[in-house]
């Protein structure tokens, strides 16, 4: 009777999928399934940290017995980023999206036995975006979220949470399940307030968020039963412009030229382009260092214009001469300047320079002179 020598090996792990760097522990059940003792049993794994550990080395197995061995592999961030391990080019076709290992068992009596294992790398990505490039006034900002299963295992119970939206994130289903390789779009809204605009940032916290000190900031987190959390942030700049109009002329007393100065300031945190100034009551438009004008965040520039006060203005007592007079400046020279840019709502400033007038009426009770004497005047 010639004995039949047989050996089997089964490789397993409690780790069902890999979500982040860390240690994966493998178990190996080595069985003598023949009817003769096996000697010098050795195990070799292609992708573990420091070899396979068994109760003895070399290992002897009596007929019909089994023994458990173990090994570890430390998954790296590079493995997660690549989406497979070992990192080879091309990826192993037996496990193109996971951590792959092949164990081989040998003995003096048998042919080799082998088993492999592919643990999927579960990956999820989220990209947050908005068609709103910059905020200029109170109103609704709409956000879009593209959630993608970039691994090779299905994701379940996908939930999205945003730190700064009105009423949560809306997805096609909640909770959401994503098959491997698929994506889905979700959305949310935030209503920008005047307080946000005035503060220059949102959420209004002290100090402002250093990641977005001059804009509307949001952080979205996506979680699932299978993956580590995925996050993305978005900072939409608040574009702000201020304009201050002034003149060295404090009041108008006679026909002549009044010179106006305009200080245009970019008080937001995004560059402003194509700034144009328009004044309702000047001779020949507003003159700036360039036209159109561009201003980087935090910068200011001075512009100027002139208006020639006429005798008709003085006679009317106000300018422009309209009927009725402008109620904002019923006794002076009135101007309103408006500044516009590609990025901001219009900014304006006005100025009313009083027209200073006085009259004198001379009279006397003496209607005619008939003789030497005193004449009294009022």
Protein backbone atom coordinates (compact mmCIF):
# COMPACT_ATOMS: atom_id res chain seq x y z
CA UNK A 1 0.00 0.00 0.00
CA UNK A 2 1.52 3.31 -1.07
CA UNK A 3 0.29 6.21 1.12
CA UNK A 4 -1.29 9.24 -0.57
CA UNK A 5 0.27 12.44 0.78
CA UNK A 6 -2.00 15.50 0.54
CA UNK A 7 -1.89 18.99 2.00
CA UNK A 8 -4.33 21.91 1.84
CA UNK A 9 -3.95 25.54 2.88
CA UNK A 10 -6.73 28.10 3.35
CA UNK A 11 -5.85 31.77 3.77
CA UNK A 12 -8.31 34.20 5.41
CA UNK A 13 -8.56 37.54 7.21
CA UNK A 14 -11.07 39.25 9.46
CA UNK A 15 -10.48 42.39 7.39
CA UNK A 16 -13.23 42.46 4.77
CA UNK A 17 -12.07 45.64 3.08
CA UNK A 18 -9.26 48.13 3.53
CA UNK A 19 -10.20 51.76 4.18
CA UNK A 20 -7.06 53.37 5.56
CA UNK A 21 -3.39 52.69 6.29
CA UNK A 22 -2.90 50.07 9.00
CA UNK A 23 -2.17 46.42 9.78
CA UNK A 24 -4.04 43.54 8.12
CA UNK A 25 -3.72 40.20 9.91
CA UNK A 26 -3.88 36.96 7.91
CA UNK A 27 -4.67 33.45 9.15
CA UNK A 28 -3.52 30.25 7.42
CA UNK A 29 -5.13 26.88 8.13
CA UNK A 30 -2.69 24.18 7.00
CA UNK A 31 -4.23 20.66 6.85
CA UNK A 32 -2.73 17.24 6.22
CA UNK A 33 -5.59 15.66 4.29
CA UNK A 34 -3.67 12.53 3.32
CA UNK A 35 -2.86 9.39 5.27
CA UNK A 36 0.84 9.87 5.81
CA UNK A 37 2.70 12.22 8.08
CA UNK A 38 4.12 15.42 6.54
CA UNK A 39 7.51 16.79 7.50
CA UNK A 40 9.33 20.06 6.99
CA UNK A 41 6.17 21.99 6.18
CA UNK A 42 7.08 25.57 5.22
CA UNK A 43 4.83 28.51 4.35
CA UNK A 44 5.79 31.47 2.18
CA UNK A 45 3.59 34.51 1.45
CA UNK A 46 4.31 36.95 -1.39
CA UNK A 47 3.13 40.12 0.39
CA UNK A 48 3.52 40.21 4.15
CA UNK A 49 5.77 42.19 6.47
CA UNK A 50 8.01 39.57 8.08
CA UNK A 51 7.08 36.08 6.97
CA UNK A 52 4.51 33.58 8.21
CA UNK A 53 4.57 32.53 11.86
CA UNK A 54 3.63 28.92 12.71
CA UNK A 55 3.77 26.96 16.01
CA UNK A 56 7.04 25.46 14.83
CA UNK A 57 9.46 25.93 11.98
CA UNK A 58 9.89 23.68 10.15
CA UNK A 59 6.49 22.20 10.91
CA UNK A 60 5.54 18.50 11.01
CA UNK A 61 1.91 17.43 10.56
CA UNK A 62 0.52 13.99 11.40
CA UNK A 63 -2.07 12.55 9.00
CA UNK A 64 -5.49 14.17 9.47
CA UNK A 65 -4.29 17.07 11.57
CA UNK A 66 -4.32 20.82 10.99
CA UNK A 67 -2.48 23.83 12.35
CA UNK A 68 -3.03 27.61 12.20
CA UNK A 69 -0.36 30.10 11.24
CA UNK A 70 -0.46 33.88 10.86
CA UNK A 71 1.17 36.89 9.24
CA UNK A 72 0.67 40.62 8.94
CA UNK A 73 0.86 43.22 6.22
CA UNK A 74 0.93 46.97 6.90
CA UNK A 75 -1.15 48.81 4.34
CA UNK A 76 0.45 52.15 3.42
CA UNK A 77 -0.99 55.43 2.25
CA UNK A 78 0.69 54.77 -1.07
CA UNK A 79 -1.34 51.55 -1.35
CA UNK A 80 -4.56 53.50 -0.67
CA UNK A 81 -3.63 56.19 -3.17
CA UNK A 82 -2.75 53.65 -5.85
CA UNK A 83 -5.91 51.66 -5.15
CA UNK A 84 -4.08 48.33 -5.11
CA UNK A 85 -1.18 46.52 -3.46
CA UNK A 86 1.48 45.42 -4.19
CA UNK A 87 2.10 48.51 -6.32
CA UNK A 88 3.22 47.08 -9.63
CA UNK A 89 2.68 48.19 -13.21
CA UNK A 90 0.34 46.93 -14.44
CA UNK A 91 -1.74 46.06 -11.39
CA UNK A 92 -2.21 42.37 -10.65
CA UNK A 93 -5.17 41.29 -12.84
CA UNK A 94 -6.30 38.91 -10.08
CA UNK A 95 -6.76 41.86 -7.71
CA UNK A 96 -6.67 45.18 -9.57
CA UNK A 97 -8.37 47.12 -6.76
CA UNK A 98 -7.26 45.49 -3.53
CA UNK A 99 -4.49 44.07 -1.38
CA UNK A 100 -3.33 40.78 -2.88
CA UNK A 101 -1.37 37.91 -1.32
CA UNK A 102 -0.44 34.42 -2.45
CA UNK A 103 0.66 31.84 0.12
CA UNK A 104 2.49 28.65 -0.81
CA UNK A 105 2.93 25.63 1.49
CA UNK A 106 5.52 22.92 0.81
CA UNK A 107 6.60 19.71 2.53
CA UNK A 108 9.01 16.86 1.96
CA UNK A 109 6.16 14.53 1.01
CA UNK A 110 3.74 16.61 -1.09
CA UNK A 111 3.52 18.89 -4.02
CA UNK A 112 3.05 22.52 -3.04
CA UNK A 113 -0.36 23.82 -2.02
CA UNK A 114 -1.38 27.45 -2.45
CA UNK A 115 -4.16 29.89 -1.76
CA UNK A 116 -4.58 33.57 -2.49
CA UNK A 117 -6.64 36.40 -1.04
CA UNK A 118 -7.75 39.75 -2.43
CA UNK A 119 -9.06 42.23 0.14
CA UNK A 120 -10.82 45.09 -1.65
CA UNK A 121 -9.68 48.65 -1.02
CA UNK A 122 -12.87 50.57 -0.30
CA UNK A 123 -12.51 54.17 -1.44
CA UNK A 124 -14.87 57.06 -1.64
CA UNK A 125 -14.27 60.55 -3.00
CA UNK A 126 -16.37 63.68 -2.69
CA UNK A 127 -15.99 66.86 -4.71
CA UNK A 128 -17.88 69.98 -3.66
CA UNK A 129 -18.52 72.79 -6.13
CA UNK A 130 -20.75 75.77 -6.83
CA UNK A 131 -21.59 77.87 -9.87
CA UNK A 132 -21.25 80.89 -7.58
CA UNK A 133 -17.69 82.13 -8.06
CA UNK A 134 -17.97 85.00 -5.58
CA UNK A 135 -20.63 86.42 -3.29
CA UNK A 136 -21.67 90.03 -3.83
CA UNK A 137 -24.98 90.40 -1.98
CA UNK A 138 -27.39 88.47 0.26
CA UNK A 139 -28.99 85.51 -1.47
CA UNK A 140 -28.91 81.76 -1.99
CA UNK A 141 -25.74 79.87 -2.90
CA UNK A 142 -26.32 76.38 -4.33
CA UNK A 143 -23.72 73.66 -3.76
CA UNK A 144 -23.21 70.44 -5.72
CA UNK A 145 -21.55 67.31 -4.34
CA UNK A 146 -20.22 64.53 -6.58
CA UNK A 147 -19.86 61.37 -4.47
CA UNK A 148 -17.87 58.59 -6.15
CA UNK A 149 -17.14 55.00 -5.18
CA UNK A 150 -13.60 54.71 -6.51
CA UNK A 151 -12.92 51.31 -4.95
CA UNK A 152 -14.03 47.84 -6.00
CA UNK A 153 -16.48 47.03 -3.24
CA UNK A 154 -20.03 48.32 -2.89
CA UNK A 155 -20.59 51.10 -0.35
CA UNK A 156 -23.63 51.17 1.88
CA UNK A 157 -25.21 53.78 4.14
CA UNK A 158 -23.40 56.69 2.50
CA UNK A 159 -24.28 59.87 4.41
CA UNK A 160 -23.25 63.48 3.72
CA UNK A 161 -22.98 66.25 6.28
CA UNK A 162 -22.09 69.89 5.56
CA UNK A 163 -21.03 72.33 8.27
CA UNK A 164 -22.68 75.43 6.82
CA UNK A 165 -25.86 74.87 4.81
CA UNK A 166 -29.48 75.72 5.45
CA UNK A 167 -31.20 72.36 5.73
CA UNK A 168 -28.79 69.50 5.13
CA UNK A 169 -27.60 67.80 1.95
CA UNK A 170 -30.15 66.27 -0.42
CA UNK A 171 -29.22 63.06 -2.28
CA UNK A 172 -31.28 60.74 -4.53
CA UNK A 173 -31.71 58.41 -1.55
CA UNK A 174 -30.93 58.56 2.15
CA UNK A 175 -29.06 56.57 3.21
CA UNK A 176 -27.34 56.12 -0.11
CA UNK A 177 -25.78 52.94 -1.53
CA UNK A 178 -23.09 53.11 -4.21
CA UNK A 179 -21.94 50.20 -6.34
CA UNK A 180 -18.24 49.99 -7.14
CA UNK A 181 -17.24 52.50 -9.80
CA UNK A 182 -20.43 54.56 -9.67
CA UNK A 183 -21.09 58.18 -8.72
CA UNK A 184 -24.06 60.25 -7.63
CA UNK A 185 -24.78 63.98 -7.34
CA UNK A 186 -26.22 65.64 -4.25
CA UNK A 187 -27.02 69.27 -3.47
CA UNK A 188 -27.53 71.81 -0.71
CA UNK A 189 -28.12 75.53 -0.27
CA UNK A 190 -26.88 78.30 1.99
CA UNK A 191 -28.56 81.69 2.26
CA UNK A 192 -25.97 84.43 2.54
CA UNK A 193 -27.14 87.18 4.89
CA UNK A 194 -26.40 90.89 5.04
CA UNK A 195 -24.58 90.17 8.29
CA UNK A 196 -22.26 87.81 6.35
CA UNK A 197 -21.58 90.55 3.78
CA UNK A 198 -20.97 93.16 6.49
CA UNK A 199 -18.61 90.85 8.39
CA UNK A 200 -16.81 89.88 5.20
CA UNK A 201 -16.85 86.18 6.03
CA UNK A 202 -19.21 83.34 6.95
CA UNK A 203 -19.79 81.57 9.27
CA UNK A 204 -19.42 84.57 11.56
CA UNK A 205 -17.04 83.31 14.23
CA UNK A 206 -14.28 85.02 16.20
CA UNK A 207 -11.63 84.76 14.92
CA UNK A 208 -12.65 84.06 11.30
CA UNK A 209 -11.81 80.64 9.89
CA UNK A 210 -8.14 80.90 8.77
CA UNK A 211 -8.93 78.66 5.78
CA UNK A 212 -11.41 81.25 4.46
CA UNK A 213 -10.97 84.59 6.23
CA UNK A 214 -12.78 86.57 3.54
CA UNK A 215 -15.45 84.29 2.15
CA UNK A 216 -18.24 81.77 2.70
CA UNK A 217 -16.71 78.50 3.95
CA UNK A 218 -18.14 74.98 4.03
CA UNK A 219 -16.78 71.55 4.90
CA UNK A 220 -18.60 68.44 3.70
CA UNK A 221 -17.98 64.98 5.15
CA UNK A 222 -19.09 61.75 3.48
CA UNK A 223 -19.18 58.49 5.45
CA UNK A 224 -20.14 54.90 4.70
CA UNK A 225 -20.18 51.53 6.42
CA UNK A 226 -17.16 50.42 4.40
CA UNK A 227 -14.83 53.41 4.14
CA UNK A 228 -13.08 56.03 6.15
CA UNK A 229 -14.68 59.47 5.88
CA UNK A 230 -14.01 61.55 2.79
CA UNK A 231 -14.06 65.35 2.98
CA UNK A 232 -13.92 68.39 0.74
CA UNK A 233 -14.02 72.12 1.43
CA UNK A 234 -15.06 75.18 -0.51
CA UNK A 235 -14.37 78.86 0.08
CA UNK A 236 -16.36 81.30 -2.05
CA UNK A 237 -14.84 84.78 -1.79
CA UNK A 238 -17.01 87.70 -0.71
CA UNK A 239 -16.34 90.43 -3.29
CA UNK A 240 -16.76 93.93 -1.84
CA UNK A 241 -16.09 97.40 -3.19
CA UNK A 242 -16.43 100.76 -1.48
CA UNK A 243 -16.36 104.24 -2.99
CA UNK A 244 -16.04 107.52 -1.08
CA UNK A 245 -16.64 110.82 -2.89
CA UNK A 246 -15.27 114.09 -1.53
CA UNK A 247 -14.32 117.64 -2.50
CA UNK A 248 -12.17 120.39 -1.04
CA UNK A 249 -14.98 122.79 -1.94
CA UNK A 250 -17.11 123.16 1.18
CA UNK A 251 -19.67 125.52 -0.35
CA UNK A 252 -20.28 127.24 -3.68
CA UNK A 253 -20.36 131.04 -3.82
CA UNK A 254 -19.79 131.90 -7.47
CA UNK A 255 -19.57 130.31 -10.90
CA UNK A 256 -16.46 128.16 -11.33
CA UNK A 257 -15.01 124.67 -11.26
CA UNK A 258 -15.62 122.20 -8.42
CA UNK A 259 -13.16 119.27 -8.31
CA UNK A 260 -14.27 115.90 -6.92
CA UNK A 261 -12.12 113.04 -5.61
CA UNK A 262 -13.22 109.39 -5.52
CA UNK A 263 -11.47 106.79 -3.35
CA UNK A 264 -12.29 103.35 -4.74
CA UNK A 265 -11.37 100.44 -2.43
CA UNK A 266 -11.45 96.66 -2.88
CA UNK A 267 -12.49 95.61 0.62
CA UNK A 268 -13.07 91.93 -0.22
CA UNK A 269 -10.60 89.10 -0.77
CA UNK A 270 -10.93 88.57 -4.50
CA UNK A 271 -9.50 90.70 -7.27
CA UNK A 272 -11.91 93.09 -8.98
CA UNK A 273 -11.85 93.65 -12.73
CA UNK A 274 -13.41 96.08 -15.18
CA UNK A 275 -14.23 98.72 -12.55
CA UNK A 276 -16.06 101.65 -14.11
CA UNK A 277 -17.19 104.87 -12.37
CA UNK A 278 -20.13 106.97 -13.48
CA UNK A 279 -21.16 110.32 -11.95
CA UNK A 280 -24.57 111.86 -12.55
CA UNK A 281 -23.42 115.52 -12.64
CA UNK A 282 -19.88 116.16 -13.86
CA UNK A 283 -18.52 117.81 -16.98
CA UNK A 284 -16.70 115.01 -18.81
CA UNK A 285 -16.81 111.77 -16.84
CA UNK A 286 -14.60 110.39 -14.10
CA UNK A 287 -10.87 110.04 -14.71
CA UNK A 288 -9.03 107.07 -13.13
CA UNK A 289 -5.42 105.81 -13.52
CA UNK A 290 -6.73 103.35 -16.09
CA UNK A 291 -10.06 102.55 -17.70
CA UNK A 292 -11.36 100.01 -17.13
CA UNK A 293 -9.72 99.67 -13.74
CA UNK A 294 -8.59 96.47 -11.98
CA UNK A 295 -8.01 96.29 -8.23
CA UNK A 296 -6.37 93.44 -6.33
CA UNK A 297 -7.83 92.50 -2.96
CA UNK A 298 -7.13 95.13 -0.32
CA UNK A 299 -6.02 97.85 -2.75
CA UNK A 300 -7.42 101.35 -3.30
CA UNK A 301 -7.11 103.95 -6.04
CA UNK A 302 -8.07 107.61 -6.41
CA UNK A 303 -10.04 109.04 -9.31
CA UNK A 304 -11.27 112.57 -10.07
CA UNK A 305 -13.82 114.63 -11.96
CA UNK A 306 -14.92 118.25 -12.34
CA UNK A 307 -18.17 120.17 -12.54
CA UNK A 308 -18.42 123.78 -13.69
CA UNK A 309 -20.97 125.66 -11.60
CA UNK A 310 -22.91 128.16 -13.72
CA UNK A 311 -24.62 131.43 -12.91
CA UNK A 312 -27.89 129.68 -13.64
CA UNK A 313 -27.09 127.18 -10.88
CA UNK A 314 -26.48 130.06 -8.47
CA UNK A 315 -29.65 131.87 -9.52
CA UNK A 316 -31.71 128.69 -9.07
CA UNK A 317 -30.02 127.90 -5.78
CA UNK A 318 -29.48 124.27 -6.66
CA UNK A 319 -27.92 122.04 -9.29
CA UNK A 320 -28.79 120.11 -11.35
CA UNK A 321 -31.67 122.43 -12.22
CA UNK A 322 -34.69 120.14 -12.14
CA UNK A 323 -38.27 120.67 -11.08
CA UNK A 324 -38.77 119.95 -8.27
CA UNK A 325 -35.22 120.22 -6.83
CA UNK A 326 -33.58 117.02 -5.62
CA UNK A 327 -34.95 116.51 -2.08
CA UNK A 328 -31.55 115.13 -1.03
CA UNK A 329 -29.90 118.44 -1.89
CA UNK A 330 -32.51 121.19 -2.36
CA UNK A 331 -30.00 124.02 -1.86
CA UNK A 332 -26.71 122.79 -3.28
CA UNK A 333 -24.77 121.08 -6.03
CA UNK A 334 -25.62 117.35 -5.95
CA UNK A 335 -23.74 114.40 -7.42
CA UNK A 336 -24.14 110.63 -7.20
CA UNK A 337 -21.26 108.36 -8.26
CA UNK A 338 -21.72 104.65 -8.98
CA UNK A 339 -18.91 102.12 -9.24
CA UNK A 340 -19.42 98.73 -10.89
CA UNK A 341 -17.14 95.73 -11.47
CA UNK A 342 -17.39 92.25 -12.95
CA UNK A 343 -17.33 90.72 -9.48
CA UNK A 344 -19.37 92.98 -7.20
CA UNK A 345 -22.69 94.65 -6.86
CA UNK A 346 -22.63 98.38 -7.58
CA UNK A 347 -21.22 100.71 -4.91
CA UNK A 348 -22.27 104.34 -4.69
CA UNK A 349 -21.51 107.58 -2.87
CA UNK A 350 -23.15 111.01 -3.01
CA UNK A 351 -22.17 114.54 -2.18
CA UNK A 352 -24.13 117.75 -1.66
CA UNK A 353 -22.11 120.99 -1.65
CA UNK A 354 -24.27 123.88 -0.35
CA UNK A 355 -24.71 127.00 -2.45
CA UNK A 356 -24.00 129.95 -0.12
CA UNK A 357 -26.09 133.01 -1.05
CA UNK A 358 -27.08 136.20 0.69
CA UNK A 359 -28.96 139.37 -0.38
CA UNK A 360 -28.93 142.94 0.93
CA UNK A 361 -31.75 145.49 0.61
CA UNK A 362 -31.05 149.11 1.41
CA UNK A 363 -33.87 151.56 2.25
CA UNK A 364 -34.65 154.87 3.96
CA UNK A 365 -37.74 156.56 5.31
CA UNK A 366 -36.48 159.75 3.65
CA UNK A 367 -38.15 159.82 0.28
CA UNK A 368 -36.46 163.07 -0.91
CA UNK A 369 -34.02 165.69 0.43
CA UNK A 370 -35.18 169.32 0.77
CA UNK A 371 -32.71 170.87 3.13
CA UNK A 372 -29.52 170.24 5.03
CA UNK A 373 -29.99 167.44 7.62
CA UNK A 374 -29.54 163.82 8.50
CA UNK A 375 -30.72 160.95 6.30
CA UNK A 376 -31.05 157.58 8.03
CA UNK A 377 -30.55 154.34 6.05
CA UNK A 378 -31.68 150.80 6.90
